[in-house]
């Protein structure tokens, strides 16, 4: 039993994605709004992506910029990669838990307000020469 577990752990480790990544969880902005910003930077170099995010006037730009910078720092510190030689390979926003709130309406009713959260993931990769 223990041998099979060790073999399984070894197989998982071999197939693990070795690209630098960063994840920001429970960000209080709707994933629909974040995906618009992520579409702008997907496939761009890290320097170009940061420049785009600094100049775009969307609410999701700031958290996405933090995640991109964090992924670049992870690449530099953990994998000894040069951040200027990296591009945004994958970028996606998944939906996190939704906060449910009520707003009072007429005749004693209450309408539900859904305050959505996002999990933002950015995966970098080396630029092909």
C-alpha atoms as a PDB file:
ATOM      1  CA  UNK A   1       0.000   0.000   0.000  1.00  0.00           C
ATOM      2  CA  UNK A   2       2.729   2.459   0.971  1.00  0.00           C
ATOM      3  CA  UNK A   3       4.722   1.571  -2.151  1.00  0.00           C
ATOM      4  CA  UNK A   4       1.751   2.396  -4.397  1.00  0.00           C
ATOM      5  CA  UNK A   5       1.253   5.714  -2.603  1.00  0.00           C
ATOM      6  CA  UNK A   6       4.907   6.609  -3.114  1.00  0.00           C
ATOM      7  CA  UNK A   7       4.720   5.678  -6.801  1.00  0.00           C
ATOM      8  CA  UNK A   8       1.547   7.691  -7.227  1.00  0.00           C
ATOM      9  CA  UNK A   9       3.129  10.714  -5.511  1.00  0.00           C
ATOM     10  CA  UNK A  10       6.188  10.383  -7.742  1.00  0.00           C
ATOM     11  CA  UNK A  11       4.013  10.182 -10.910  1.00  0.00           C
ATOM     12  CA  UNK A  12       2.071  13.279  -9.877  1.00  0.00           C
ATOM     13  CA  UNK A  13       5.313  15.167  -9.195  1.00  0.00           C
ATOM     14  CA  UNK A  14       6.718  14.245 -12.625  1.00  0.00           C
ATOM     15  CA  UNK A  15       3.584  15.451 -14.428  1.00  0.00           C
ATOM     16  CA  UNK A  16       3.323  18.655 -12.398  1.00  0.00           C
ATOM     17  CA  UNK A  17       3.372  21.922 -14.301  1.00  0.00           C
ATOM     18  CA  UNK A  18       6.710  23.638 -13.625  1.00  0.00           C
ATOM     19  CA  UNK A  19       5.756  27.069 -15.000  1.00  0.00           C
ATOM     20  CA  UNK A  20       5.726  30.040 -12.604  1.00  0.00           C
ATOM     21  CA  UNK A  21       2.267  30.969 -11.371  1.00  0.00           C
ATOM     22  CA  UNK A  22       0.412  33.159  -8.934  1.00  0.00           C
ATOM     23  CA  UNK A  23      -3.122  32.939  -7.611  1.00  0.00           C
ATOM     24  CA  UNK A  24      -5.175  35.591  -5.835  1.00  0.00           C
ATOM     25  CA  UNK A  25      -8.223  34.185  -4.093  1.00  0.00           C
ATOM     26  CA  UNK A  26     -11.409  35.760  -2.767  1.00  0.00           C
ATOM     27  CA  UNK A  27     -10.954  39.058  -4.633  1.00  0.00           C
ATOM     28  CA  UNK A  28     -14.119  41.134  -4.152  1.00  0.00           C
ATOM     29  CA  UNK A  29     -14.858  41.817  -7.812  1.00  0.00           C
ATOM     30  CA  UNK A  30     -17.018  39.853 -10.210  1.00  0.00           C
ATOM     31  CA  UNK A  31     -15.122  37.386 -12.414  1.00  0.00           C
ATOM     32  CA  UNK A  32     -17.018  38.742 -15.435  1.00  0.00           C
ATOM     33  CA  UNK A  33     -15.345  42.128 -14.910  1.00  0.00           C
ATOM     34  CA  UNK A  34     -11.918  40.584 -14.358  1.00  0.00           C
ATOM     35  CA  UNK A  35     -12.080  38.439 -17.517  1.00  0.00           C
ATOM     36  CA  UNK A  36     -12.346  41.568 -19.676  1.00  0.00           C
ATOM     37  CA  UNK A  37      -9.010  42.760 -18.285  1.00  0.00           C
ATOM     38  CA  UNK A  38      -7.384  39.322 -18.565  1.00  0.00           C
ATOM     39  CA  UNK A  39      -8.256  39.184 -22.267  1.00  0.00           C
ATOM     40  CA  UNK A  40      -6.129  42.303 -22.784  1.00  0.00           C
ATOM     41  CA  UNK A  41      -2.913  40.787 -21.381  1.00  0.00           C
ATOM     42  CA  UNK A  42      -3.105  37.128 -22.411  1.00  0.00           C
ATOM     43  CA  UNK A  43      -0.110  36.269 -24.624  1.00  0.00           C
ATOM     44  CA  UNK A  44       1.756  39.524 -23.952  1.00  0.00           C
ATOM     45  CA  UNK A  45       5.172  39.858 -22.320  1.00  0.00           C
ATOM     46  CA  UNK A  46       5.221  40.650 -18.592  1.00  0.00           C
ATOM     47  CA  UNK A  47       6.557  44.184 -19.132  1.00  0.00           C
ATOM     48  CA  UNK A  48       3.917  44.898 -21.782  1.00  0.00           C
ATOM     49  CA  UNK A  49       1.148  43.399 -19.625  1.00  0.00           C
ATOM     50  CA  UNK A  50       2.103  45.585 -16.646  1.00  0.00           C
ATOM     51  CA  UNK A  51       2.174  48.678 -18.876  1.00  0.00           C
ATOM     52  CA  UNK A  52      -1.293  47.839 -20.228  1.00  0.00           C
ATOM     53  CA  UNK A  53      -2.676  47.248 -16.734  1.00  0.00           C
ATOM     54  CA  UNK A  54      -1.309  50.555 -15.455  1.00  0.00           C
ATOM     55  CA  UNK A  55      -3.099  52.471 -18.217  1.00  0.00           C
ATOM     56  CA  UNK A  56      -6.430  50.653 -18.477  1.00  0.00           C
ATOM     57  CA  UNK A  57      -9.302  52.214 -16.539  1.00  0.00           C
ATOM     58  CA  UNK A  58     -11.050  49.087 -15.294  1.00  0.00           C
ATOM     59  CA  UNK A  59     -11.635  48.053 -11.699  1.00  0.00           C
ATOM     60  CA  UNK A  60     -10.090  44.624 -12.295  1.00  0.00           C
ATOM     61  CA  UNK A  61      -6.775  46.033 -13.538  1.00  0.00           C
ATOM     62  CA  UNK A  62      -5.223  46.584 -10.103  1.00  0.00           C
ATOM     63  CA  UNK A  63      -5.705  43.057  -8.680  1.00  0.00           C
ATOM     64  CA  UNK A  64      -4.640  41.508 -11.996  1.00  0.00           C
ATOM     65  CA  UNK A  65      -1.482  43.657 -12.014  1.00  0.00           C
ATOM     66  CA  UNK A  66      -0.639  42.446  -8.500  1.00  0.00           C
ATOM     67  CA  UNK A  67      -1.053  38.824  -9.591  1.00  0.00           C
ATOM     68  CA  UNK A  68       1.140  39.311 -12.692  1.00  0.00           C
ATOM     69  CA  UNK A  69       3.853  40.988 -10.608  1.00  0.00           C
ATOM     70  CA  UNK A  70       3.641  38.194  -8.034  1.00  0.00           C
ATOM     71  CA  UNK A  71       3.999  35.516 -10.734  1.00  0.00           C
ATOM     72  CA  UNK A  72       7.044  37.348 -12.136  1.00  0.00           C
ATOM     73  CA  UNK A  73       8.562  37.531  -8.639  1.00  0.00           C
ATOM     74  CA  UNK A  74       7.886  33.801  -8.150  1.00  0.00           C
ATOM     75  CA  UNK A  75       9.663  33.068 -11.431  1.00  0.00           C
ATOM     76  CA  UNK A  76      12.667  35.140 -10.426  1.00  0.00           C
ATOM     77  CA  UNK A  77      12.957  33.908  -6.847  1.00  0.00           C
ATOM     78  CA  UNK A  78      11.883  30.257  -7.067  1.00  0.00           C
ATOM     79  CA  UNK A  79      12.924  29.259 -10.596  1.00  0.00           C
ATOM     80  CA  UNK A  80      15.777  31.728 -11.291  1.00  0.00           C
ATOM     81  CA  UNK A  81      14.107  33.010 -14.481  1.00  0.00           C
ATOM     82  CA  UNK A  82      14.573  36.520 -15.843  1.00  0.00           C
ATOM     83  CA  UNK A  83      11.208  38.382 -15.587  1.00  0.00           C
ATOM     84  CA  UNK A  84      11.851  40.310 -18.806  1.00  0.00           C
ATOM     85  CA  UNK A  85      11.990  37.011 -20.762  1.00  0.00           C
ATOM     86  CA  UNK A  86       8.529  35.879 -19.631  1.00  0.00           C
ATOM     87  CA  UNK A  87       5.101  36.089 -21.235  1.00  0.00           C
ATOM     88  CA  UNK A  88       1.597  35.560 -19.883  1.00  0.00           C
ATOM     89  CA  UNK A  89       0.836  32.021 -21.050  1.00  0.00           C
ATOM     90  CA  UNK A  90      -2.482  31.568 -19.255  1.00  0.00           C
ATOM     91  CA  UNK A  91      -4.701  33.940 -17.342  1.00  0.00           C
ATOM     92  CA  UNK A  92      -8.145  33.106 -16.057  1.00  0.00           C
ATOM     93  CA  UNK A  93     -10.619  34.105 -13.374  1.00  0.00           C
ATOM     94  CA  UNK A  94     -12.804  31.530 -11.663  1.00  0.00           C
ATOM     95  CA  UNK A  95     -15.770  32.344  -9.509  1.00  0.00           C
ATOM     96  CA  UNK A  96     -15.255  32.223  -5.772  1.00  0.00           C
ATOM     97  CA  UNK A  97     -17.933  32.114  -3.088  1.00  0.00           C
ATOM     98  CA  UNK A  98     -20.770  34.597  -3.455  1.00  0.00           C
ATOM     99  CA  UNK A  99     -21.832  36.810  -0.558  1.00  0.00           C
ATOM    100  CA  UNK A 100     -25.611  37.002  -0.316  1.00  0.00           C
ATOM    101  CA  UNK A 101     -27.132  40.259   0.895  1.00  0.00           C
ATOM    102  CA  UNK A 102     -30.697  41.576   1.009  1.00  0.00           C
ATOM    103  CA  UNK A 103     -32.074  44.967   0.140  1.00  0.00           C
ATOM    104  CA  UNK A 104     -35.518  45.953   1.412  1.00  0.00           C
ATOM    105  CA  UNK A 105     -38.238  46.480  -1.183  1.00  0.00           C
ATOM    106  CA  UNK A 106     -41.851  47.525  -1.032  1.00  0.00           C
ATOM    107  CA  UNK A 107     -44.547  45.506   0.758  1.00  0.00           C
ATOM    108  CA  UNK A 108     -42.074  43.855   3.125  1.00  0.00           C
ATOM    109  CA  UNK A 109     -40.164  42.016   0.467  1.00  0.00           C
ATOM    110  CA  UNK A 110     -36.409  41.662   0.288  1.00  0.00           C
ATOM    111  CA  UNK A 111     -34.476  41.364  -2.941  1.00  0.00           C
ATOM    112  CA  UNK A 112     -31.241  39.459  -3.025  1.00  0.00           C
ATOM    113  CA  UNK A 113     -27.956  41.143  -3.920  1.00  0.00           C
ATOM    114  CA  UNK A 114     -25.137  38.808  -5.006  1.00  0.00           C
ATOM    115  CA  UNK A 115     -21.687  40.119  -4.206  1.00  0.00           C
ATOM    116  CA  UNK A 116     -19.419  37.926  -6.282  1.00  0.00           C
ATOM    117  CA  UNK A 117     -15.785  37.051  -5.611  1.00  0.00           C
ATOM    118  CA  UNK A 118     -13.030  35.883  -7.952  1.00  0.00           C
ATOM    119  CA  UNK A 119     -10.023  33.581  -7.922  1.00  0.00           C
ATOM    120  CA  UNK A 120      -7.505  35.074 -10.388  1.00  0.00           C
ATOM    121  CA  UNK A 121      -4.761  32.819 -11.772  1.00  0.00           C
ATOM    122  CA  UNK A 122      -1.835  33.894 -13.958  1.00  0.00           C
ATOM    123  CA  UNK A 123       0.648  31.381 -15.392  1.00  0.00           C
ATOM    124  CA  UNK A 124       3.817  32.653 -17.056  1.00  0.00           C
ATOM    125  CA  UNK A 125       6.066  30.935 -19.561  1.00  0.00           C
ATOM    126  CA  UNK A 126       9.422  31.631 -21.202  1.00  0.00           C
ATOM    127  CA  UNK A 127       9.224  33.495 -24.513  1.00  0.00           C
ATOM    128  CA  UNK A 128      10.100  31.384 -27.527  1.00  0.00           C
ATOM    129  CA  UNK A 129      13.023  32.861 -29.412  1.00  0.00           C
END
